[in-house]
Structures are given as C-alpha cells and as structure tokens.
Amino acid sequence: MYSLRKLLILMLFVPASLIVGSCSSAGTKHTTKEDAKALTTKAAEFLKKEGPDKAFAAFNAGGDWRNGDLYVFVIDKSGTWKASGARPELVGKNDLNTPDANGKLFIKDIVAIDKDGWVDYKFKSPADDQPHDKSSYIERVGDFLVGAGAYKY
C-alpha cells in the first residue's frame, strides 16, 4: 500500500513538474535580427537627438536599451567601446585588434561600415556568459558605430 501511494504521488508530481518546466522555458525569448535592427535604429536616433554624453550614459545603464540578451553598444571609429548595455567592463577599451573566439577581427569590420550593415562574429552572451555566433546590425552616426545583435543559440 505504501509503494502504491508513492507511485501515485510520482504519477501526479512528475507530469506537473514537466508542465511547469516547459512553461518557464517557453517564456524565454531569444532576440531576432529584426529586434536587433529595430533597437539599433532607435538608439542611433536617440544618439543624434541627445548627443553622446546623454546617449552613452543611457545605453550603459540598460533600462529601455536592454532586454535579455539584446542590448545597445557603441564603438568609435578607432575601435574603442563607448557604451555597452551588457558588458560595462568593455567601455573605454580599444578592441580594434582583438579577435573573437574564431580569430576574426570583428571590430575592424564594424568600424569599416560607412552607413549601415550587418557584422557576424562570435561573442559572449549575457544570457549564459558563453561565446555564441552573433549577427549585429550597425548604423554609423558621425564617428560612432551604434549596434545591437542577435545571438544564435
């Protein structure tokens, strides 16, 4: 009788825990390239309107400029990080000659953008702190390259 009771409890508990687990993972939304492009365009307009000091402070603070693994970053034409909504330790660092996990000098690709475009590279995701393939949409605003990207998990 005791083992029948255990069996009944397990039969009720296991399916319930699977349902709860699948609901919580279903709520996890990964960024799309469309999300990245839209946020980049919004951030570029904000930078044009408000100027670098106010814009960089806002981007670094996250808030409206970050949603999960989607965040705004800004790099100047020399390859120096001016803002990063997910990695504040990068701000002020010049990564022009720093390769990604695959050896690609992706910052050089970013600063080479004349107007706007996509750059693919490997970068640590704030979701799990592991390197993943990432496609970032970049818009040039004067001497600054504004971007946001979609990670591929």
N, C-alpha and C. Protein backbone atom coordinates (compact mmCIF):
# COMPACT_ATOMS: atom_id res chain seq x y z
N MET A 1 0.82 -1.19 0.00
CA MET A 1 0.00 0.00 0.00
C MET A 1 0.87 1.26 0.00
N TYR A 2 1.97 1.20 0.78
CA TYR A 2 2.86 2.34 0.87
C TYR A 2 3.49 2.64 -0.49
N SER A 3 3.93 1.61 -1.24
CA SER A 3 4.54 1.84 -2.54
C SER A 3 3.50 2.28 -3.57
N LEU A 4 2.27 1.88 -3.44
CA LEU A 4 1.23 2.35 -4.34
C LEU A 4 1.01 3.85 -4.12
N ARG A 5 1.07 4.27 -2.90
CA ARG A 5 0.91 5.69 -2.57
C ARG A 5 2.07 6.49 -3.17
N LYS A 6 3.30 5.97 -3.05
CA LYS A 6 4.46 6.63 -3.65
C LYS A 6 4.30 6.73 -5.16
N LEU A 7 3.84 5.67 -5.76
CA LEU A 7 3.65 5.64 -7.20
C LEU A 7 2.63 6.69 -7.64
N LEU A 8 1.53 6.79 -6.91
CA LEU A 8 0.50 7.78 -7.24
C LEU A 8 1.04 9.20 -7.10
N ILE A 9 1.82 9.45 -6.06
CA ILE A 9 2.41 10.77 -5.87
C ILE A 9 3.36 11.09 -7.02
N LEU A 10 4.19 10.13 -7.39
CA LEU A 10 5.11 10.33 -8.51
C LEU A 10 4.36 10.58 -9.81
N MET A 11 3.26 9.82 -10.00
CA MET A 11 2.49 9.98 -11.23
C MET A 11 1.87 11.38 -11.32
N LEU A 12 1.56 11.96 -10.20
CA LEU A 12 1.00 13.31 -10.19
C LEU A 12 2.10 14.37 -10.26
N PHE A 13 3.18 14.17 -9.52
CA PHE A 13 4.23 15.16 -9.41
C PHE A 13 5.05 15.31 -10.70
N VAL A 14 5.47 14.22 -11.30
CA VAL A 14 6.35 14.29 -12.47
C VAL A 14 5.69 15.04 -13.64
N PRO A 15 4.46 14.69 -14.03
CA PRO A 15 3.85 15.46 -15.13
C PRO A 15 3.67 16.94 -14.78
N ALA A 16 3.34 17.24 -13.54
CA ALA A 16 3.16 18.64 -13.14
C ALA A 16 4.49 19.39 -13.24
N SER A 17 5.57 18.77 -12.82
CA SER A 17 6.86 19.45 -12.89
C SER A 17 7.30 19.64 -14.34
N LEU A 18 6.97 18.70 -15.21
CA LEU A 18 7.29 18.86 -16.63
C LEU A 18 6.52 20.01 -17.25
N ILE A 19 5.28 20.15 -16.87
CA ILE A 19 4.45 21.25 -17.38
C ILE A 19 5.02 22.58 -16.91
N VAL A 20 5.34 22.71 -15.64
CA VAL A 20 5.90 23.95 -15.11
C VAL A 20 7.22 24.25 -15.80
N GLY A 21 8.08 23.28 -15.97
CA GLY A 21 9.37 23.47 -16.63
C GLY A 21 9.22 23.91 -18.07
N SER A 22 8.29 23.31 -18.79
CA SER A 22 8.12 23.68 -20.19
C SER A 22 7.52 25.07 -20.31
N CYS A 23 6.69 25.48 -19.37
CA CYS A 23 6.13 26.83 -19.41
C CYS A 23 7.21 27.87 -19.16
N SER A 24 8.10 27.61 -18.23
CA SER A 24 9.13 28.59 -17.94
C SER A 24 10.11 28.70 -19.11
N SER A 25 10.44 27.61 -19.78
CA SER A 25 11.35 27.72 -20.92
C SER A 25 10.64 28.30 -22.13
N ALA A 26 9.34 28.12 -22.22
CA ALA A 26 8.59 28.71 -23.34
C ALA A 26 8.58 30.23 -23.23
N GLY A 27 8.73 30.77 -22.02
CA GLY A 27 8.73 32.20 -21.83
C GLY A 27 10.06 32.85 -22.20
N THR A 28 11.10 32.06 -22.40
CA THR A 28 12.40 32.59 -22.76
C THR A 28 12.39 32.91 -24.24
N LYS A 29 12.58 34.19 -24.57
CA LYS A 29 12.56 34.61 -25.96
C LYS A 29 13.96 35.05 -26.35
N HIS A 30 14.46 34.49 -27.41
CA HIS A 30 15.75 34.92 -27.91
C HIS A 30 15.54 36.01 -28.95
N THR A 31 16.46 36.91 -29.00
CA THR A 31 16.41 38.05 -29.90
C THR A 31 16.45 37.61 -31.36
N THR A 32 15.72 38.32 -32.19
CA THR A 32 15.78 38.09 -33.63
C THR A 32 16.61 39.21 -34.27
N LYS A 33 17.00 38.98 -35.51
CA LYS A 33 17.73 40.02 -36.24
C LYS A 33 16.85 41.26 -36.43
N GLU A 34 15.56 41.05 -36.56
CA GLU A 34 14.64 42.18 -36.69
C GLU A 34 14.63 43.02 -35.41
N ASP A 35 14.65 42.34 -34.24
CA ASP A 35 14.73 43.05 -32.96
C ASP A 35 16.00 43.88 -32.89
N ALA A 36 17.11 43.28 -33.30
CA ALA A 36 18.41 43.96 -33.24
C ALA A 36 18.42 45.19 -34.14
N LYS A 37 17.90 45.05 -35.33
CA LYS A 37 17.87 46.18 -36.27
C LYS A 37 16.99 47.30 -35.73
N ALA A 38 15.84 46.96 -35.20
CA ALA A 38 14.93 47.97 -34.66
C ALA A 38 15.56 48.72 -33.48
N LEU A 39 16.21 48.00 -32.58
CA LEU A 39 16.84 48.66 -31.43
C LEU A 39 18.01 49.53 -31.87
N THR A 40 18.79 49.07 -32.83
CA THR A 40 19.90 49.87 -33.34
C THR A 40 19.40 51.18 -33.94
N THR A 41 18.37 51.10 -34.74
CA THR A 41 17.81 52.31 -35.38
C THR A 41 17.28 53.28 -34.32
N LYS A 42 16.59 52.77 -33.33
CA LYS A 42 16.08 53.60 -32.24
C LYS A 42 17.23 54.26 -31.47
N ALA A 43 18.29 53.49 -31.19
CA ALA A 43 19.44 54.01 -30.46
C ALA A 43 20.20 55.06 -31.28
N ALA A 44 20.34 54.83 -32.58
CA ALA A 44 21.02 55.80 -33.45
C ALA A 44 20.26 57.13 -33.46
N GLU A 45 18.96 57.06 -33.53
CA GLU A 45 18.14 58.29 -33.49
C GLU A 45 18.29 59.00 -32.14
N PHE A 46 18.32 58.24 -31.06
CA PHE A 46 18.50 58.80 -29.72
C PHE A 46 19.86 59.49 -29.63
N LEU A 47 20.90 58.87 -30.14
CA LEU A 47 22.24 59.46 -30.12
C LEU A 47 22.27 60.77 -30.91
N LYS A 48 21.65 60.79 -32.08
CA LYS A 48 21.59 62.01 -32.90
C LYS A 48 20.87 63.13 -32.15
N LYS A 49 19.77 62.80 -31.49
CA LYS A 49 18.94 63.79 -30.81
C LYS A 49 19.57 64.28 -29.50
N GLU A 50 20.10 63.36 -28.69
CA GLU A 50 20.53 63.70 -27.34
C GLU A 50 22.03 63.95 -27.20
N GLY A 51 22.82 63.51 -28.17
CA GLY A 51 24.26 63.68 -28.10
C GLY A 51 24.93 62.54 -27.37
N PRO A 52 26.27 62.44 -27.53
CA PRO A 52 27.00 61.28 -26.99
C PRO A 52 26.92 61.13 -25.47
N ASP A 53 27.12 62.18 -24.71
CA ASP A 53 27.17 62.04 -23.25
C ASP A 53 25.90 61.44 -22.68
N LYS A 54 24.77 62.01 -23.05
CA LYS A 54 23.49 61.52 -22.54
C LYS A 54 23.17 60.13 -23.10
N ALA A 55 23.43 59.93 -24.37
CA ALA A 55 23.11 58.64 -25.00
C ALA A 55 23.96 57.52 -24.42
N PHE A 56 25.26 57.73 -24.30
CA PHE A 56 26.13 56.67 -23.79
C PHE A 56 25.77 56.31 -22.36
N ALA A 57 25.46 57.31 -21.54
CA ALA A 57 25.05 57.03 -20.16
C ALA A 57 23.78 56.19 -20.13
N ALA A 58 22.82 56.53 -21.00
CA ALA A 58 21.56 55.77 -21.06
C ALA A 58 21.80 54.35 -21.54
N PHE A 59 22.62 54.18 -22.58
CA PHE A 59 22.89 52.85 -23.12
C PHE A 59 23.61 51.98 -22.08
N ASN A 60 24.57 52.58 -21.37
CA ASN A 60 25.32 51.83 -20.35
C ASN A 60 24.44 51.43 -19.18
N ALA A 61 23.41 52.21 -18.90
CA ALA A 61 22.51 51.91 -17.78
C ALA A 61 21.55 50.77 -18.10
N GLY A 62 21.41 50.43 -19.37
CA GLY A 62 20.48 49.36 -19.74
C GLY A 62 19.08 49.91 -19.89
N GLY A 63 18.23 49.65 -18.92
CA GLY A 63 16.85 50.16 -18.95
C GLY A 63 16.15 49.83 -20.25
N ASP A 64 15.66 50.86 -20.93
CA ASP A 64 14.96 50.68 -22.20
C ASP A 64 15.88 50.18 -23.31
N TRP A 65 17.17 50.22 -23.07
CA TRP A 65 18.15 49.87 -24.09
C TRP A 65 18.67 48.44 -23.93
N ARG A 66 18.03 47.67 -23.05
CA ARG A 66 18.41 46.27 -22.87
C ARG A 66 17.18 45.44 -22.58
N ASN A 67 17.12 44.28 -23.22
CA ASN A 67 16.05 43.32 -22.99
C ASN A 67 16.65 41.92 -23.12
N GLY A 68 16.98 41.31 -21.98
CA GLY A 68 17.60 39.98 -22.00
C GLY A 68 18.96 40.03 -22.66
N ASP A 69 19.13 39.28 -23.75
CA ASP A 69 20.42 39.26 -24.43
C ASP A 69 20.52 40.30 -25.54
N LEU A 70 19.52 41.17 -25.64
CA LEU A 70 19.52 42.26 -26.62
C LEU A 70 19.90 43.55 -25.91
N TYR A 71 20.94 44.22 -26.39
CA TYR A 71 21.41 45.45 -25.76
C TYR A 71 22.12 46.31 -26.80
N VAL A 72 22.20 47.59 -26.50
CA VAL A 72 22.88 48.54 -27.38
C VAL A 72 24.36 48.61 -27.01
N PHE A 73 25.19 48.73 -28.03
CA PHE A 73 26.61 49.03 -27.82
C PHE A 73 27.03 50.11 -28.81
N VAL A 74 28.08 50.83 -28.46
CA VAL A 74 28.62 51.87 -29.34
C VAL A 74 30.14 51.75 -29.33
N ILE A 75 30.72 51.80 -30.51
CA ILE A 75 32.16 51.76 -30.71
C ILE A 75 32.54 52.98 -31.55
N ASP A 76 33.62 53.66 -31.20
CA ASP A 76 34.02 54.80 -32.02
C ASP A 76 34.86 54.33 -33.20
N LYS A 77 35.20 55.27 -34.09
CA LYS A 77 35.89 54.89 -35.33
C LYS A 77 37.29 54.33 -35.10
N SER A 78 37.85 54.52 -33.88
CA SER A 78 39.18 53.96 -33.59
C SER A 78 39.09 52.55 -33.01
N GLY A 79 37.85 52.07 -32.73
CA GLY A 79 37.66 50.73 -32.19
C GLY A 79 37.51 50.69 -30.68
N THR A 80 37.27 51.86 -30.07
CA THR A 80 37.11 51.95 -28.62
C THR A 80 35.63 51.89 -28.25
N TRP A 81 35.32 51.05 -27.28
CA TRP A 81 33.94 50.91 -26.79
C TRP A 81 33.54 52.18 -26.05
N LYS A 82 32.44 52.76 -26.43
CA LYS A 82 31.89 53.95 -25.77
C LYS A 82 30.69 53.59 -24.90
N ALA A 83 30.01 52.52 -25.24
CA ALA A 83 28.86 52.06 -24.46
C ALA A 83 28.66 50.57 -24.69
N SER A 84 28.19 49.91 -23.64
CA SER A 84 27.81 48.50 -23.74
C SER A 84 26.80 48.22 -22.64
N GLY A 85 25.57 47.99 -23.04
CA GLY A 85 24.50 47.74 -22.09
C GLY A 85 24.61 46.42 -21.34
N ALA A 86 25.49 45.52 -21.80
CA ALA A 86 25.63 44.22 -21.14
C ALA A 86 27.02 43.98 -20.58
N ARG A 87 28.01 44.67 -21.07
CA ARG A 87 29.40 44.44 -20.65
C ARG A 87 30.08 45.77 -20.33
N PRO A 88 29.76 46.36 -19.17
CA PRO A 88 30.32 47.68 -18.82
C PRO A 88 31.85 47.67 -18.74
N GLU A 89 32.44 46.51 -18.49
CA GLU A 89 33.91 46.43 -18.39
C GLU A 89 34.60 46.73 -19.73
N LEU A 90 33.85 46.71 -20.83
CA LEU A 90 34.43 47.00 -22.14
C LEU A 90 34.57 48.49 -22.41
N VAL A 91 33.76 49.31 -21.75
CA VAL A 91 33.74 50.75 -22.02
C VAL A 91 35.13 51.34 -21.76
N GLY A 92 35.63 52.04 -22.79
CA GLY A 92 36.96 52.64 -22.71
C GLY A 92 38.06 51.76 -23.29
N LYS A 93 37.75 50.52 -23.59
CA LYS A 93 38.74 49.56 -24.09
C LYS A 93 38.76 49.60 -25.62
N ASN A 94 39.96 49.62 -26.19
CA ASN A 94 40.10 49.56 -27.63
C ASN A 94 40.31 48.10 -28.03
N ASP A 95 39.40 47.58 -28.84
CA ASP A 95 39.44 46.18 -29.27
C ASP A 95 39.63 46.04 -30.78
N LEU A 96 40.19 47.08 -31.41
CA LEU A 96 40.35 47.05 -32.86
C LEU A 96 41.11 45.80 -33.32
N ASN A 97 42.12 45.41 -32.58
CA ASN A 97 42.93 44.26 -32.97
C ASN A 97 42.71 43.03 -32.09
N THR A 98 41.57 42.99 -31.40
CA THR A 98 41.22 41.85 -30.56
C THR A 98 40.33 40.90 -31.35
N PRO A 99 40.75 39.66 -31.53
CA PRO A 99 39.92 38.72 -32.30
C PRO A 99 38.79 38.13 -31.46
N ASP A 100 37.75 37.68 -32.16
CA ASP A 100 36.69 36.93 -31.49
C ASP A 100 37.18 35.50 -31.26
N ALA A 101 36.30 34.63 -30.78
CA ALA A 101 36.67 33.25 -30.46
C ALA A 101 37.14 32.45 -31.68
N ASN A 102 36.78 32.92 -32.88
CA ASN A 102 37.20 32.25 -34.11
C ASN A 102 38.40 32.92 -34.77
N GLY A 103 38.94 33.96 -34.13
CA GLY A 103 40.09 34.66 -34.68
C GLY A 103 39.75 35.82 -35.60
N LYS A 104 38.47 36.14 -35.73
CA LYS A 104 38.03 37.22 -36.61
C LYS A 104 38.20 38.57 -35.91
N LEU A 105 38.77 39.55 -36.62
CA LEU A 105 38.91 40.91 -36.09
C LEU A 105 37.62 41.67 -36.40
N PHE A 106 36.58 41.34 -35.67
CA PHE A 106 35.23 41.84 -35.98
C PHE A 106 35.08 43.33 -35.75
N ILE A 107 35.85 43.91 -34.83
CA ILE A 107 35.74 45.36 -34.60
C ILE A 107 36.20 46.10 -35.85
N LYS A 108 37.18 45.57 -36.55
CA LYS A 108 37.61 46.19 -37.81
C LYS A 108 36.47 46.16 -38.83
N ASP A 109 35.70 45.08 -38.84
CA ASP A 109 34.54 45.01 -39.74
C ASP A 109 33.49 46.04 -39.35
N ILE A 110 33.31 46.23 -38.05
CA ILE A 110 32.32 47.20 -37.57
C ILE A 110 32.73 48.62 -37.95
N VAL A 111 33.98 49.00 -37.66
CA VAL A 111 34.39 50.38 -37.95
C VAL A 111 34.50 50.66 -39.45
N ALA A 112 34.55 49.61 -40.27
CA ALA A 112 34.61 49.79 -41.72
C ALA A 112 33.24 50.13 -42.32
N ILE A 113 32.18 50.00 -41.54
CA ILE A 113 30.84 50.28 -42.06
C ILE A 113 30.68 51.78 -42.31
N ASP A 114 30.29 52.11 -43.53
CA ASP A 114 30.17 53.51 -43.93
C ASP A 114 28.82 54.11 -43.53
N LYS A 115 27.75 53.34 -43.69
CA LYS A 115 26.41 53.84 -43.38
C LYS A 115 25.71 52.89 -42.41
N ASP A 116 25.41 51.67 -42.87
CA ASP A 116 24.79 50.66 -42.02
C ASP A 116 25.06 49.29 -42.62
N GLY A 117 24.90 48.26 -41.80
CA GLY A 117 25.11 46.91 -42.29
C GLY A 117 25.20 45.90 -41.16
N TRP A 118 25.37 44.65 -41.54
CA TRP A 118 25.44 43.53 -40.60
C TRP A 118 26.87 43.04 -40.47
N VAL A 119 27.24 42.64 -39.25
CA VAL A 119 28.54 42.01 -38.99
C VAL A 119 28.27 40.74 -38.19
N ASP A 120 28.86 39.64 -38.65
CA ASP A 120 28.73 38.35 -37.97
C ASP A 120 30.04 38.03 -37.26
N TYR A 121 29.94 37.56 -36.03
CA TYR A 121 31.11 37.22 -35.23
C TYR A 121 30.69 36.35 -34.06
N LYS A 122 31.64 35.95 -33.24
CA LYS A 122 31.36 35.14 -32.06
C LYS A 122 31.63 36.02 -30.85
N PHE A 123 30.67 36.04 -29.88
CA PHE A 123 30.78 36.94 -28.73
C PHE A 123 30.07 36.33 -27.54
N LYS A 124 30.55 36.63 -26.34
CA LYS A 124 29.91 36.10 -25.13
C LYS A 124 28.52 36.69 -24.96
N SER A 125 27.55 35.80 -24.75
CA SER A 125 26.18 36.22 -24.49
C SER A 125 26.01 36.53 -23.01
N PRO A 126 25.27 37.60 -22.69
CA PRO A 126 24.99 37.87 -21.29
C PRO A 126 24.02 36.85 -20.68
N ALA A 127 23.38 36.05 -21.52
CA ALA A 127 22.42 35.05 -21.03
C ALA A 127 23.13 33.90 -20.32
N ASP A 128 24.30 33.50 -20.86
CA ASP A 128 24.99 32.35 -20.25
C ASP A 128 26.51 32.54 -20.15
N ASP A 129 26.99 33.73 -20.52
CA ASP A 129 28.42 34.06 -20.46
C ASP A 129 29.28 33.11 -21.28
N GLN A 130 28.70 32.56 -22.34
CA GLN A 130 29.42 31.66 -23.25
C GLN A 130 29.46 32.31 -24.64
N PRO A 131 30.52 32.06 -25.42
CA PRO A 131 30.56 32.61 -26.77
C PRO A 131 29.56 31.91 -27.69
N HIS A 132 28.85 32.72 -28.46
CA HIS A 132 27.89 32.22 -29.45
C HIS A 132 28.04 33.04 -30.72
N ASP A 133 27.61 32.48 -31.84
CA ASP A 133 27.56 33.26 -33.07
C ASP A 133 26.57 34.40 -32.85
N LYS A 134 26.92 35.57 -33.38
CA LYS A 134 26.09 36.76 -33.21
C LYS A 134 26.09 37.55 -34.50
N SER A 135 24.91 38.06 -34.87
CA SER A 135 24.78 38.97 -36.00
C SER A 135 24.34 40.31 -35.45
N SER A 136 25.17 41.33 -35.67
CA SER A 136 24.84 42.66 -35.16
C SER A 136 24.56 43.61 -36.32
N TYR A 137 23.52 44.39 -36.14
CA TYR A 137 23.19 45.43 -37.10
C TYR A 137 23.84 46.71 -36.61
N ILE A 138 24.55 47.39 -37.49
CA ILE A 138 25.34 48.57 -37.14
C ILE A 138 24.86 49.76 -37.97
N GLU A 139 24.75 50.91 -37.31
CA GLU A 139 24.48 52.18 -38.00
C GLU A 139 25.55 53.18 -37.59
N ARG A 140 26.12 53.85 -38.58
CA ARG A 140 27.11 54.89 -38.30
C ARG A 140 26.38 56.20 -37.99
N VAL A 141 26.81 56.84 -36.90
CA VAL A 141 26.32 58.18 -36.53
C VAL A 141 27.58 59.02 -36.31
N GLY A 142 28.00 59.75 -37.33
CA GLY A 142 29.24 60.52 -37.25
C GLY A 142 30.43 59.58 -37.07
N ASP A 143 31.17 59.78 -35.97
CA ASP A 143 32.34 58.95 -35.67
C ASP A 143 32.01 57.72 -34.85
N PHE A 144 30.72 57.48 -34.62
CA PHE A 144 30.30 56.37 -33.76
C PHE A 144 29.55 55.31 -34.55
N LEU A 145 29.76 54.06 -34.16
CA LEU A 145 29.05 52.91 -34.73
C LEU A 145 28.14 52.37 -33.65
N VAL A 146 26.84 52.47 -33.88
CA VAL A 146 25.83 52.03 -32.92
C VAL A 146 25.33 50.67 -33.36
N GLY A 147 25.22 49.73 -32.42
CA GLY A 147 24.79 48.40 -32.80
C GLY A 147 24.00 47.67 -31.73
N ALA A 148 23.35 46.62 -32.17
CA ALA A 148 22.68 45.63 -31.31
C ALA A 148 22.66 44.35 -32.12
N GLY A 149 22.71 43.22 -31.43
CA GLY A 149 22.82 41.97 -32.16
C GLY A 149 21.97 40.84 -31.64
N ALA A 150 21.79 39.86 -32.49
CA ALA A 150 21.02 38.66 -32.17
C ALA A 150 21.99 37.49 -32.04
N TYR A 151 21.96 36.84 -30.90
CA TYR A 151 22.78 35.65 -30.68
C TYR A 151 22.10 34.44 -31.26
N LYS A 152 22.91 33.48 -31.72
CA LYS A 152 22.39 32.21 -32.24
C LYS A 152 22.76 31.13 -31.24
N TYR A 153 21.74 30.53 -30.61
CA TYR A 153 21.96 29.51 -29.58
C TYR A 153 21.76 28.13 -30.16
